[in-house]
């Protein structure tokens, strides 16, 4: 079978808030859900498992999500009340990025 990345796992202080962010705002799908746990993912097979618990330091991990339209997704984040750092900007490496914070203060980014 070989070695491959499966998913990121993280503890979150408010599982319902994180589920709303990843599913309703960012558009990922729920892949599995049990009391105190949810796993979300997109069409590429990579996914994120989240469990209710005490999260680590906010800057210990940055999750980056590829989206079809970073500007449209940025405005959905703002409309949903998500803490955004700045409007999307073209980066030197060729992508258009925007950074925001999840409900535990973790830095995240979207790009296209």
PDB file of N, CA and C in Angstrom:
ATOM      1  N   UNK A   1       0.816  -1.196   0.000  1.00  0.00           N
ATOM      2  CA  UNK A   1       0.000   0.000   0.000  1.00  0.00           C
ATOM      3  C   UNK A   1       0.856   1.255   0.000  1.00  0.00           C
ATOM      4  N   UNK A   2       1.968   1.296   0.702  1.00  0.00           N
ATOM      5  CA  UNK A   2       2.815   2.483   0.731  1.00  0.00           C
ATOM      6  C   UNK A   2       2.385   3.464   1.815  1.00  0.00           C
ATOM      7  N   UNK A   3       3.174   4.494   1.961  1.00  0.00           N
ATOM      8  CA  UNK A   3       2.921   5.514   2.968  1.00  0.00           C
ATOM      9  C   UNK A   3       2.289   6.731   2.324  1.00  0.00           C
ATOM     10  N   UNK A   4       1.288   7.299   2.989  1.00  0.00           N
ATOM     11  CA  UNK A   4       0.664   8.531   2.492  1.00  0.00           C
ATOM     12  C   UNK A   4       0.061   9.285   3.658  1.00  0.00           C
ATOM     13  N   UNK A   5      -0.121  10.582   3.478  1.00  0.00           N
ATOM     14  CA  UNK A   5      -0.806  11.375   4.487  1.00  0.00           C
ATOM     15  C   UNK A   5      -2.283  11.016   4.462  1.00  0.00           C
ATOM     16  N   UNK A   6      -2.884  10.917   5.625  1.00  0.00           N
ATOM     17  CA  UNK A   6      -4.294  10.585   5.728  1.00  0.00           C
ATOM     18  C   UNK A   6      -5.115  11.816   6.079  1.00  0.00           C
ATOM     19  N   UNK A   7      -4.827  12.405   7.256  1.00  0.00           N
ATOM     20  CA  UNK A   7      -5.604  13.556   7.680  1.00  0.00           C
ATOM     21  C   UNK A   7      -4.889  14.296   8.810  1.00  0.00           C
ATOM     22  N   UNK A   8      -5.372  15.466   9.080  1.00  0.00           N
ATOM     23  CA  UNK A   8      -4.945  16.241  10.241  1.00  0.00           C
ATOM     24  C   UNK A   8      -5.962  15.964  11.328  1.00  0.00           C
ATOM     25  N   UNK A   9      -5.513  15.828  12.552  1.00  0.00           N
ATOM     26  CA  UNK A   9      -6.398  15.682  13.700  1.00  0.00           C
ATOM     27  C   UNK A   9      -6.134  16.848  14.631  1.00  0.00           C
ATOM     28  N   UNK A  10      -7.213  17.449  15.164  1.00  0.00           N
ATOM     29  CA  UNK A  10      -7.024  18.538  16.112  1.00  0.00           C
ATOM     30  C   UNK A  10      -8.136  18.552  17.147  1.00  0.00           C
ATOM     31  N   UNK A  11      -7.755  18.974  18.339  1.00  0.00           N
ATOM     32  CA  UNK A  11      -8.722  19.198  19.400  1.00  0.00           C
ATOM     33  C   UNK A  11      -9.289  20.599  19.237  1.00  0.00           C
ATOM     34  N   UNK A  12     -10.590  20.744  19.450  1.00  0.00           N
ATOM     35  CA  UNK A  12     -11.256  22.037  19.311  1.00  0.00           C
ATOM     36  C   UNK A  12     -12.130  22.285  20.532  1.00  0.00           C
ATOM     37  N   UNK A  13     -12.253  23.546  20.931  1.00  0.00           N
ATOM     38  CA  UNK A  13     -13.043  23.869  22.122  1.00  0.00           C
ATOM     39  C   UNK A  13     -14.542  23.887  21.841  1.00  0.00           C
ATOM     40  N   UNK A  14     -14.944  24.150  20.591  1.00  0.00           N
ATOM     41  CA  UNK A  14     -16.363  24.204  20.232  1.00  0.00           C
ATOM     42  C   UNK A  14     -16.557  23.444  18.923  1.00  0.00           C
ATOM     43  N   UNK A  15     -16.884  22.182  19.029  1.00  0.00           N
ATOM     44  CA  UNK A  15     -17.008  21.319  17.856  1.00  0.00           C
ATOM     45  C   UNK A  15     -18.093  21.805  16.904  1.00  0.00           C
ATOM     46  N   UNK A  16     -19.219  22.274  17.430  1.00  0.00           N
ATOM     47  CA  UNK A  16     -20.296  22.765  16.563  1.00  0.00           C
ATOM     48  C   UNK A  16     -19.854  23.980  15.750  1.00  0.00           C
ATOM     49  N   UNK A  17     -19.134  24.907  16.373  1.00  0.00           N
ATOM     50  CA  UNK A  17     -18.654  26.095  15.663  1.00  0.00           C
ATOM     51  C   UNK A  17     -17.669  25.712  14.563  1.00  0.00           C
ATOM     52  N   UNK A  18     -16.772  24.781  14.861  1.00  0.00           N
ATOM     53  CA  UNK A  18     -15.799  24.343  13.853  1.00  0.00           C
ATOM     54  C   UNK A  18     -16.501  23.615  12.710  1.00  0.00           C
ATOM     55  N   UNK A  19     -17.494  22.798  13.028  1.00  0.00           N
ATOM     56  CA  UNK A  19     -18.258  22.083  11.991  1.00  0.00           C
ATOM     57  C   UNK A  19     -18.923  23.090  11.051  1.00  0.00           C
ATOM     58  N   UNK A  20     -19.555  24.124  11.633  1.00  0.00           N
ATOM     59  CA  UNK A  20     -20.200  25.162  10.803  1.00  0.00           C
ATOM     60  C   UNK A  20     -19.180  25.845   9.892  1.00  0.00           C
ATOM     61  N   UNK A  21     -18.022  26.198  10.447  1.00  0.00           N
ATOM     62  CA  UNK A  21     -16.985  26.868   9.653  1.00  0.00           C
ATOM     63  C   UNK A  21     -16.562  26.008   8.474  1.00  0.00           C
ATOM     64  N   UNK A  22     -16.198  24.767   8.730  1.00  0.00           N
ATOM     65  CA  UNK A  22     -15.666  23.909   7.672  1.00  0.00           C
ATOM     66  C   UNK A  22     -16.727  23.447   6.683  1.00  0.00           C
ATOM     67  N   UNK A  23     -17.940  23.203   7.148  1.00  0.00           N
ATOM     68  CA  UNK A  23     -18.987  22.661   6.274  1.00  0.00           C
ATOM     69  C   UNK A  23     -19.829  23.770   5.655  1.00  0.00           C
ATOM     70  N   UNK A  24     -20.444  24.613   6.484  1.00  0.00           N
ATOM     71  CA  UNK A  24     -21.372  25.616   5.968  1.00  0.00           C
ATOM     72  C   UNK A  24     -20.681  26.795   5.303  1.00  0.00           C
ATOM     73  N   UNK A  25     -19.544  27.226   5.833  1.00  0.00           N
ATOM     74  CA  UNK A  25     -18.867  28.402   5.277  1.00  0.00           C
ATOM     75  C   UNK A  25     -17.847  28.016   4.211  1.00  0.00           C
ATOM     76  N   UNK A  26     -16.990  27.022   4.501  1.00  0.00           N
ATOM     77  CA  UNK A  26     -15.937  26.659   3.557  1.00  0.00           C
ATOM     78  C   UNK A  26     -16.371  25.608   2.537  1.00  0.00           C
ATOM     79  N   UNK A  27     -17.467  24.911   2.785  1.00  0.00           N
ATOM     80  CA  UNK A  27     -18.012  23.992   1.792  1.00  0.00           C
ATOM     81  C   UNK A  27     -17.441  22.588   1.778  1.00  0.00           C
ATOM     82  N   UNK A  28     -16.740  22.178   2.836  1.00  0.00           N
ATOM     83  CA  UNK A  28     -16.260  20.802   2.901  1.00  0.00           C
ATOM     84  C   UNK A  28     -17.411  19.876   3.291  1.00  0.00           C
ATOM     85  N   UNK A  29     -17.240  18.589   3.075  1.00  0.00           N
ATOM     86  CA  UNK A  29     -18.282  17.604   3.376  1.00  0.00           C
ATOM     87  C   UNK A  29     -17.986  16.887   4.686  1.00  0.00           C
ATOM     88  N   UNK A  30     -19.045  16.502   5.404  1.00  0.00           N
ATOM     89  CA  UNK A  30     -18.890  15.674   6.596  1.00  0.00           C
ATOM     90  C   UNK A  30     -18.663  14.243   6.128  1.00  0.00           C
ATOM     91  N   UNK A  31     -17.542  13.657   6.525  1.00  0.00           N
ATOM     92  CA  UNK A  31     -17.196  12.296   6.136  1.00  0.00           C
ATOM     93  C   UNK A  31     -17.559  11.287   7.212  1.00  0.00           C
ATOM     94  N   UNK A  32     -17.486  11.710   8.472  1.00  0.00           N
ATOM     95  CA  UNK A  32     -17.850  10.856   9.602  1.00  0.00           C
ATOM     96  C   UNK A  32     -18.230  11.768  10.759  1.00  0.00           C
ATOM     97  N   UNK A  33     -19.180  11.309  11.547  1.00  0.00           N
ATOM     98  CA  UNK A  33     -19.594  12.119  12.695  1.00  0.00           C
ATOM     99  C   UNK A  33     -20.088  11.198  13.797  1.00  0.00           C
ATOM    100  N   UNK A  34     -19.530  11.407  14.990  1.00  0.00           N
ATOM    101  CA  UNK A  34     -19.887  10.649  16.180  1.00  0.00           C
ATOM    102  C   UNK A  34     -19.983  11.650  17.319  1.00  0.00           C
ATOM    103  N   UNK A  35     -20.588  11.308  18.424  1.00  0.00           N
ATOM    104  CA  UNK A  35     -20.619  12.244  19.556  1.00  0.00           C
ATOM    105  C   UNK A  35     -19.208  12.705  19.918  1.00  0.00           C
ATOM    106  N   UNK A  36     -18.999  14.017  19.880  1.00  0.00           N
ATOM    107  CA  UNK A  36     -17.708  14.597  20.232  1.00  0.00           C
ATOM    108  C   UNK A  36     -16.659  14.556  19.142  1.00  0.00           C
ATOM    109  N   UNK A  37     -17.004  14.127  17.930  1.00  0.00           N
ATOM    110  CA  UNK A  37     -16.027  13.997  16.841  1.00  0.00           C
ATOM    111  C   UNK A  37     -16.698  14.233  15.490  1.00  0.00           C
ATOM    112  N   UNK A  38     -15.989  14.923  14.608  1.00  0.00           N
ATOM    113  CA  UNK A  38     -16.435  15.074  13.221  1.00  0.00           C
ATOM    114  C   UNK A  38     -15.205  15.064  12.330  1.00  0.00           C
ATOM    115  N   UNK A  39     -15.327  14.438  11.155  1.00  0.00           N
ATOM    116  CA  UNK A  39     -14.257  14.448  10.159  1.00  0.00           C
ATOM    117  C   UNK A  39     -14.824  15.060   8.893  1.00  0.00           C
ATOM    118  N   UNK A  40     -14.108  16.054   8.343  1.00  0.00           N
ATOM    119  CA  UNK A  40     -14.543  16.754   7.137  1.00  0.00           C
ATOM    120  C   UNK A  40     -13.485  16.623   6.057  1.00  0.00           C
ATOM    121  N   UNK A  41     -13.906  16.735   4.808  1.00  0.00           N
ATOM    122  CA  UNK A  41     -12.957  16.657   3.706  1.00  0.00           C
ATOM    123  C   UNK A  41     -13.550  17.175   2.423  1.00  0.00           C
ATOM    124  N   UNK A  42     -12.698  17.218   1.407  1.00  0.00           N
ATOM    125  CA  UNK A  42     -13.109  17.671   0.084  1.00  0.00           C
ATOM    126  C   UNK A  42     -12.918  16.575  -0.934  1.00  0.00           C
ATOM    127  N   UNK A  43     -12.857  16.953  -2.184  1.00  0.00           N
ATOM    128  CA  UNK A  43     -12.805  15.984  -3.271  1.00  0.00           C
ATOM    129  C   UNK A  43     -11.430  15.343  -3.470  1.00  0.00           C
ATOM    130  N   UNK A  44     -10.397  15.851  -2.782  1.00  0.00           N
ATOM    131  CA  UNK A  44      -9.041  15.329  -2.991  1.00  0.00           C
ATOM    132  C   UNK A  44      -8.678  14.160  -2.084  1.00  0.00           C
ATOM    133  N   UNK A  45      -9.560  13.791  -1.159  1.00  0.00           N
ATOM    134  CA  UNK A  45      -9.290  12.675  -0.273  1.00  0.00           C
ATOM    135  C   UNK A  45      -8.646  13.051   1.045  1.00  0.00           C
ATOM    136  N   UNK A  46      -8.034  14.211   1.152  1.00  0.00           N
ATOM    137  CA  UNK A  46      -7.426  14.648   2.409  1.00  0.00           C
ATOM    138  C   UNK A  46      -8.518  15.162   3.327  1.00  0.00           C
ATOM    139  N   UNK A  47      -8.401  14.940   4.625  1.00  0.00           N
ATOM    140  CA  UNK A  47      -9.454  15.391   5.523  1.00  0.00           C
ATOM    141  C   UNK A  47      -8.914  15.796   6.884  1.00  0.00           C
ATOM    142  N   UNK A  48      -9.813  16.387   7.680  1.00  0.00           N
ATOM    143  CA  UNK A  48      -9.478  16.887   9.002  1.00  0.00           C
ATOM    144  C   UNK A  48     -10.423  16.240  10.005  1.00  0.00           C
ATOM    145  N   UNK A  49      -9.865  15.616  11.034  1.00  0.00           N
ATOM    146  CA  UNK A  49     -10.652  15.068  12.129  1.00  0.00           C
ATOM    147  C   UNK A  49     -10.601  16.021  13.303  1.00  0.00           C
ATOM    148  N   UNK A  50     -11.761  16.318  13.871  1.00  0.00           N
ATOM    149  CA  UNK A  50     -11.832  17.248  15.000  1.00  0.00           C
ATOM    150  C   UNK A  50     -12.565  16.585  16.153  1.00  0.00           C
ATOM    151  N   UNK A  51     -12.007  16.734  17.340  1.00  0.00           N
ATOM    152  CA  UNK A  51     -12.608  16.170  18.545  1.00  0.00           C
ATOM    153  C   UNK A  51     -12.750  17.266  19.580  1.00  0.00           C
ATOM    154  N   UNK A  52     -13.863  17.252  20.293  1.00  0.00           N
ATOM    155  CA  UNK A  52     -14.084  18.202  21.365  1.00  0.00           C
ATOM    156  C   UNK A  52     -13.013  18.012  22.427  1.00  0.00           C
ATOM    157  N   UNK A  53     -12.312  19.087  22.772  1.00  0.00           N
ATOM    158  CA  UNK A  53     -11.265  18.997  23.779  1.00  0.00           C
ATOM    159  C   UNK A  53     -10.540  20.315  23.932  1.00  0.00           C
ATOM    160  N   UNK A  54      -9.454  20.313  24.643  1.00  0.00           N
ATOM    161  CA  UNK A  54      -8.659  21.515  24.883  1.00  0.00           C
ATOM    162  C   UNK A  54      -7.659  21.684  23.741  1.00  0.00           C
ATOM    163  N   UNK A  55      -7.840  22.722  22.912  1.00  0.00           N
ATOM    164  CA  UNK A  55      -6.934  22.901  21.769  1.00  0.00           C
ATOM    165  C   UNK A  55      -5.535  23.328  22.204  1.00  0.00           C
ATOM    166  N   UNK A  56      -4.566  23.072  21.321  1.00  0.00           N
ATOM    167  CA  UNK A  56      -3.198  23.509  21.546  1.00  0.00           C
ATOM    168  C   UNK A  56      -3.061  25.000  21.264  1.00  0.00           C
ATOM    169  N   UNK A  57      -1.846  25.523  21.356  1.00  0.00           N
ATOM    170  CA  UNK A  57      -1.616  26.942  21.081  1.00  0.00           C
ATOM    171  C   UNK A  57      -2.100  27.316  19.674  1.00  0.00           C
ATOM    172  N   UNK A  58      -2.726  28.496  19.528  1.00  0.00           N
ATOM    173  CA  UNK A  58      -3.318  28.875  18.246  1.00  0.00           C
ATOM    174  C   UNK A  58      -2.360  28.877  17.059  1.00  0.00           C
ATOM    175  N   UNK A  59      -1.106  29.170  17.265  1.00  0.00           N
ATOM    176  CA  UNK A  59      -0.181  29.254  16.140  1.00  0.00           C
ATOM    177  C   UNK A  59       0.656  27.995  15.963  1.00  0.00           C
ATOM    178  N   UNK A  60       0.232  26.888  16.591  1.00  0.00           N
ATOM    179  CA  UNK A  60       1.008  25.659  16.482  1.00  0.00           C
ATOM    180  C   UNK A  60       0.792  24.961  15.145  1.00  0.00           C
ATOM    181  N   UNK A  61      -0.307  25.255  14.462  1.00  0.00           N
ATOM    182  CA  UNK A  61      -0.630  24.641  13.172  1.00  0.00           C
ATOM    183  C   UNK A  61      -1.328  25.677  12.313  1.00  0.00           C
ATOM    184  N   UNK A  62      -1.063  25.672  11.024  1.00  0.00           N
ATOM    185  CA  UNK A  62      -1.848  26.496  10.094  1.00  0.00           C
ATOM    186  C   UNK A  62      -2.434  25.557   9.051  1.00  0.00           C
ATOM    187  N   UNK A  63      -3.733  25.596   8.896  1.00  0.00           N
ATOM    188  CA  UNK A  63      -4.418  24.768   7.914  1.00  0.00           C
ATOM    189  C   UNK A  63      -4.662  25.612   6.674  1.00  0.00           C
ATOM    190  N   UNK A  64      -4.306  25.080   5.513  1.00  0.00           N
ATOM    191  CA  UNK A  64      -4.483  25.775   4.247  1.00  0.00           C
ATOM    192  C   UNK A  64      -5.469  24.994   3.394  1.00  0.00           C
ATOM    193  N   UNK A  65      -6.475  25.695   2.878  1.00  0.00           N
ATOM    194  CA  UNK A  65      -7.536  25.066   2.104  1.00  0.00           C
ATOM    195  C   UNK A  65      -7.588  25.700   0.715  1.00  0.00           C
ATOM    196  N   UNK A  66      -7.518  24.862  -0.319  1.00  0.00           N
ATOM    197  CA  UNK A  66      -7.646  25.346  -1.697  1.00  0.00           C
ATOM    198  C   UNK A  66      -9.135  25.492  -2.009  1.00  0.00           C
ATOM    199  N   UNK A  67      -9.514  26.640  -2.549  1.00  0.00           N
ATOM    200  CA  UNK A  67     -10.905  26.919  -2.914  1.00  0.00           C
ATOM    201  C   UNK A  67     -10.953  27.363  -4.372  1.00  0.00           C
ATOM    202  N   UNK A  68     -12.135  27.287  -4.978  1.00  0.00           N
ATOM    203  CA  UNK A  68     -12.288  27.707  -6.373  1.00  0.00           C
ATOM    204  C   UNK A  68     -12.097  29.206  -6.538  1.00  0.00           C
ATOM    205  N   UNK A  69     -12.613  29.993  -5.606  1.00  0.00           N
ATOM    206  CA  UNK A  69     -12.572  31.452  -5.713  1.00  0.00           C
ATOM    207  C   UNK A  69     -12.273  32.027  -4.335  1.00  0.00           C
ATOM    208  N   UNK A  70     -11.037  32.435  -4.120  1.00  0.00           N
ATOM    209  CA  UNK A  70     -10.622  32.923  -2.804  1.00  0.00           C
ATOM    210  C   UNK A  70     -11.374  34.192  -2.420  1.00  0.00           C
ATOM    211  N   UNK A  71     -11.668  35.055  -3.374  1.00  0.00           N
ATOM    212  CA  UNK A  71     -12.374  36.302  -3.050  1.00  0.00           C
ATOM    213  C   UNK A  71     -13.805  36.018  -2.578  1.00  0.00           C
ATOM    214  N   UNK A  72     -14.508  35.152  -3.279  1.00  0.00           N
ATOM    215  CA  UNK A  72     -15.879  34.806  -2.910  1.00  0.00           C
ATOM    216  C   UNK A  72     -15.898  34.110  -1.555  1.00  0.00           C
ATOM    217  N   UNK A  73     -14.953  33.212  -1.313  1.00  0.00           N
ATOM    218  CA  UNK A  73     -14.893  32.502  -0.035  1.00  0.00           C
ATOM    219  C   UNK A  73     -14.547  33.463   1.097  1.00  0.00           C
ATOM    220  N   UNK A  74     -13.660  34.416   0.840  1.00  0.00           N
ATOM    221  CA  UNK A  74     -13.308  35.441   1.826  1.00  0.00           C
ATOM    222  C   UNK A  74     -14.557  36.215   2.253  1.00  0.00           C
ATOM    223  N   UNK A  75     -15.388  36.602   1.289  1.00  0.00           N
ATOM    224  CA  UNK A  75     -16.594  37.357   1.630  1.00  0.00           C
ATOM    225  C   UNK A  75     -17.597  36.494   2.402  1.00  0.00           C
ATOM    226  N   UNK A  76     -17.656  35.187   2.125  1.00  0.00           N
ATOM    227  CA  UNK A  76     -18.502  34.277   2.910  1.00  0.00           C
ATOM    228  C   UNK A  76     -17.994  34.190   4.343  1.00  0.00           C
ATOM    229  N   UNK A  77     -16.676  34.129   4.518  1.00  0.00           N
ATOM    230  CA  UNK A  77     -16.092  34.098   5.858  1.00  0.00           C
ATOM    231  C   UNK A  77     -16.463  35.359   6.632  1.00  0.00           C
ATOM    232  N   UNK A  78     -16.292  36.517   5.998  1.00  0.00           N
ATOM    233  CA  UNK A  78     -16.624  37.786   6.655  1.00  0.00           C
ATOM    234  C   UNK A  78     -18.104  37.839   7.021  1.00  0.00           C
ATOM    235  N   UNK A  79     -18.952  37.425   6.085  1.00  0.00           N
ATOM    236  CA  UNK A  79     -20.403  37.443   6.324  1.00  0.00           C
ATOM    237  C   UNK A  79     -20.777  36.535   7.490  1.00  0.00           C
ATOM    238  N   UNK A  80     -20.057  35.437   7.653  1.00  0.00           N
ATOM    239  CA  UNK A  80     -20.313  34.497   8.739  1.00  0.00           C
ATOM    240  C   UNK A  80     -19.720  34.953  10.067  1.00  0.00           C
ATOM    241  N   UNK A  81     -19.038  36.099  10.075  1.00  0.00           N
ATOM    242  CA  UNK A  81     -18.471  36.626  11.309  1.00  0.00           C
ATOM    243  C   UNK A  81     -17.128  36.042  11.689  1.00  0.00           C
ATOM    244  N   UNK A  82     -16.466  35.382  10.743  1.00  0.00           N
ATOM    245  CA  UNK A  82     -15.148  34.800  10.998  1.00  0.00           C
ATOM    246  C   UNK A  82     -14.110  35.922  11.039  1.00  0.00           C
ATOM    247  N   UNK A  83     -13.159  35.820  11.965  1.00  0.00           N
ATOM    248  CA  UNK A  83     -12.088  36.818  12.083  1.00  0.00           C
ATOM    249  C   UNK A  83     -11.127  36.680  10.909  1.00  0.00           C
ATOM    250  N   UNK A  84     -11.119  37.677  10.029  1.00  0.00           N
ATOM    251  CA  UNK A  84     -10.218  37.659   8.878  1.00  0.00           C
ATOM    252  C   UNK A  84      -9.083  38.645   9.124  1.00  0.00           C
ATOM    253  N   UNK A  85      -7.892  38.321   8.587  1.00  0.00           N
ATOM    254  CA  UNK A  85      -6.731  39.182   8.814  1.00  0.00           C
ATOM    255  C   UNK A  85      -6.651  40.317   7.808  1.00  0.00           C
ATOM    256  N   UNK A  86      -6.913  40.020   6.535  1.00  0.00           N
ATOM    257  CA  UNK A  86      -6.824  41.028   5.482  1.00  0.00           C
ATOM    258  C   UNK A  86      -7.503  40.470   4.230  1.00  0.00           C
ATOM    259  N   UNK A  87      -7.873  41.337   3.302  1.00  0.00           N
ATOM    260  CA  UNK A  87      -8.473  40.850   2.050  1.00  0.00           C
ATOM    261  C   UNK A  87      -7.494  39.970   1.283  1.00  0.00           C
ATOM    262  N   UNK A  88      -7.988  39.157   0.357  1.00  0.00           N
ATOM    263  CA  UNK A  88      -7.107  38.313  -0.453  1.00  0.00           C
ATOM    264  C   UNK A  88      -6.064  39.150  -1.199  1.00  0.00           C
ATOM    265  N   UNK A  89      -4.879  38.570  -1.322  1.00  0.00           N
ATOM    266  CA  UNK A  89      -3.786  39.240  -2.028  1.00  0.00           C
ATOM    267  C   UNK A  89      -3.040  38.229  -2.881  1.00  0.00           C
ATOM    268  N   UNK A  90      -2.568  38.688  -4.037  1.00  0.00           N
ATOM    269  CA  UNK A  90      -1.722  37.855  -4.883  1.00  0.00           C
ATOM    270  C   UNK A  90      -0.354  37.745  -4.221  1.00  0.00           C
ATOM    271  N   UNK A  91       0.171  36.526  -4.163  1.00  0.00           N
ATOM    272  CA  UNK A  91       1.447  36.270  -3.499  1.00  0.00           C
ATOM    273  C   UNK A  91       2.560  36.094  -4.534  1.00  0.00           C
ATOM    274  N   UNK A  92       3.790  36.290  -4.107  1.00  0.00           N
ATOM    275  CA  UNK A  92       4.944  36.155  -4.997  1.00  0.00           C
ATOM    276  C   UNK A  92       5.053  34.748  -5.589  1.00  0.00           C
ATOM    277  N   UNK A  93       4.552  33.739  -4.871  1.00  0.00           N
ATOM    278  CA  UNK A  93       4.663  32.353  -5.339  1.00  0.00           C
ATOM    279  C   UNK A  93       3.538  31.963  -6.307  1.00  0.00           C
ATOM    280  N   UNK A  94       2.679  32.941  -6.681  1.00  0.00           N
ATOM    281  CA  UNK A  94       1.704  32.696  -7.738  1.00  0.00           C
ATOM    282  C   UNK A  94       0.287  32.406  -7.301  1.00  0.00           C
ATOM    283  N   UNK A  95       0.040  32.236  -6.019  1.00  0.00           N
ATOM    284  CA  UNK A  95      -1.316  31.962  -5.538  1.00  0.00           C
ATOM    285  C   UNK A  95      -1.938  33.237  -4.982  1.00  0.00           C
ATOM    286  N   UNK A  96      -3.234  33.232  -4.873  1.00  0.00           N
ATOM    287  CA  UNK A  96      -3.973  34.322  -4.229  1.00  0.00           C
ATOM    288  C   UNK A  96      -4.437  33.776  -2.878  1.00  0.00           C
ATOM    289  N   UNK A  97      -4.007  34.396  -1.781  1.00  0.00           N
ATOM    290  CA  UNK A  97      -4.271  33.900  -0.429  1.00  0.00           C
ATOM    291  C   UNK A  97      -5.034  34.926   0.399  1.00  0.00           C
ATOM    292  N   UNK A  98      -5.742  34.399   1.401  1.00  0.00           N
ATOM    293  CA  UNK A  98      -6.305  35.215   2.480  1.00  0.00           C
ATOM    294  C   UNK A  98      -6.174  34.387   3.762  1.00  0.00           C
ATOM    295  N   UNK A  99      -5.906  35.052   4.861  1.00  0.00           N
ATOM    296  CA  UNK A  99      -5.735  34.377   6.141  1.00  0.00           C
ATOM    297  C   UNK A  99      -6.863  34.763   7.088  1.00  0.00           C
ATOM    298  N   UNK A 100      -7.241  33.811   7.935  1.00  0.00           N
ATOM    299  CA  UNK A 100      -8.292  34.042   8.914  1.00  0.00           C
ATOM    300  C   UNK A 100      -8.030  33.182  10.134  1.00  0.00           C
ATOM    301  N   UNK A 101      -8.867  33.321  11.162  1.00  0.00           N
ATOM    302  CA  UNK A 101      -8.733  32.557  12.409  1.00  0.00           C
ATOM    303  C   UNK A 101      -9.995  31.734  12.642  1.00  0.00           C
ATOM    304  N   UNK A 102      -9.806  30.491  13.079  1.00  0.00           N
ATOM    305  CA  UNK A 102     -10.966  29.683  13.438  1.00  0.00           C
ATOM    306  C   UNK A 102     -11.432  30.086  14.838  1.00  0.00           C
ATOM    307  N   UNK A 103     -12.461  29.424  15.364  1.00  0.00           N
ATOM    308  CA  UNK A 103     -13.031  29.843  16.647  1.00  0.00           C
ATOM    309  C   UNK A 103     -12.091  29.612  17.833  1.00  0.00           C
ATOM    310  N   UNK A 104     -11.010  28.840  17.659  1.00  0.00           N
ATOM    311  CA  UNK A 104     -10.001  28.667  18.699  1.00  0.00           C
ATOM    312  C   UNK A 104      -8.791  29.569  18.474  1.00  0.00           C
ATOM    313  N   UNK A 105      -8.862  30.451  17.474  1.00  0.00           N
ATOM    314  CA  UNK A 105      -7.767  31.376  17.196  1.00  0.00           C
ATOM    315  C   UNK A 105      -6.670  30.809  16.321  1.00  0.00           C
ATOM    316  N   UNK A 106      -6.863  29.580  15.791  1.00  0.00           N
ATOM    317  CA  UNK A 106      -5.873  28.966  14.914  1.00  0.00           C
ATOM    318  C   UNK A 106      -5.820  29.722  13.595  1.00  0.00           C
ATOM    319  N   UNK A 107      -4.620  30.033  13.126  1.00  0.00           N
ATOM    320  CA  UNK A 107      -4.451  30.719  11.845  1.00  0.00           C
ATOM    321  C   UNK A 107      -4.695  29.731  10.710  1.00  0.00           C
ATOM    322  N   UNK A 108      -5.524  30.136   9.763  1.00  0.00           N
ATOM    323  CA  UNK A 108      -5.850  29.306   8.613  1.00  0.00           C
ATOM    324  C   UNK A 108      -5.743  30.171   7.363  1.00  0.00           C
ATOM    325  N   UNK A 109      -5.614  29.516   6.209  1.00  0.00           N
ATOM    326  CA  UNK A 109      -5.612  30.295   4.979  1.00  0.00           C
ATOM    327  C   UNK A 109      -6.426  29.587   3.915  1.00  0.00           C
ATOM    328  N   UNK A 110      -6.914  30.404   2.987  1.00  0.00           N
ATOM    329  CA  UNK A 110      -7.570  29.891   1.784  1.00  0.00           C
ATOM    330  C   UNK A 110      -6.774  30.438   0.615  1.00  0.00           C
ATOM    331  N   UNK A 111      -6.761  29.668  -0.480  1.00  0.00           N
ATOM    332  CA  UNK A 111      -6.051  30.140  -1.666  1.00  0.00           C
ATOM    333  C   UNK A 111      -6.683  29.574  -2.922  1.00  0.00           C
ATOM    334  N   UNK A 112      -6.411  30.247  -4.019  1.00  0.00           N
ATOM    335  CA  UNK A 112      -6.779  29.748  -5.341  1.00  0.00           C
ATOM    336  C   UNK A 112      -5.730  30.216  -6.324  1.00  0.00           C
TER     337      UNK A 112
END
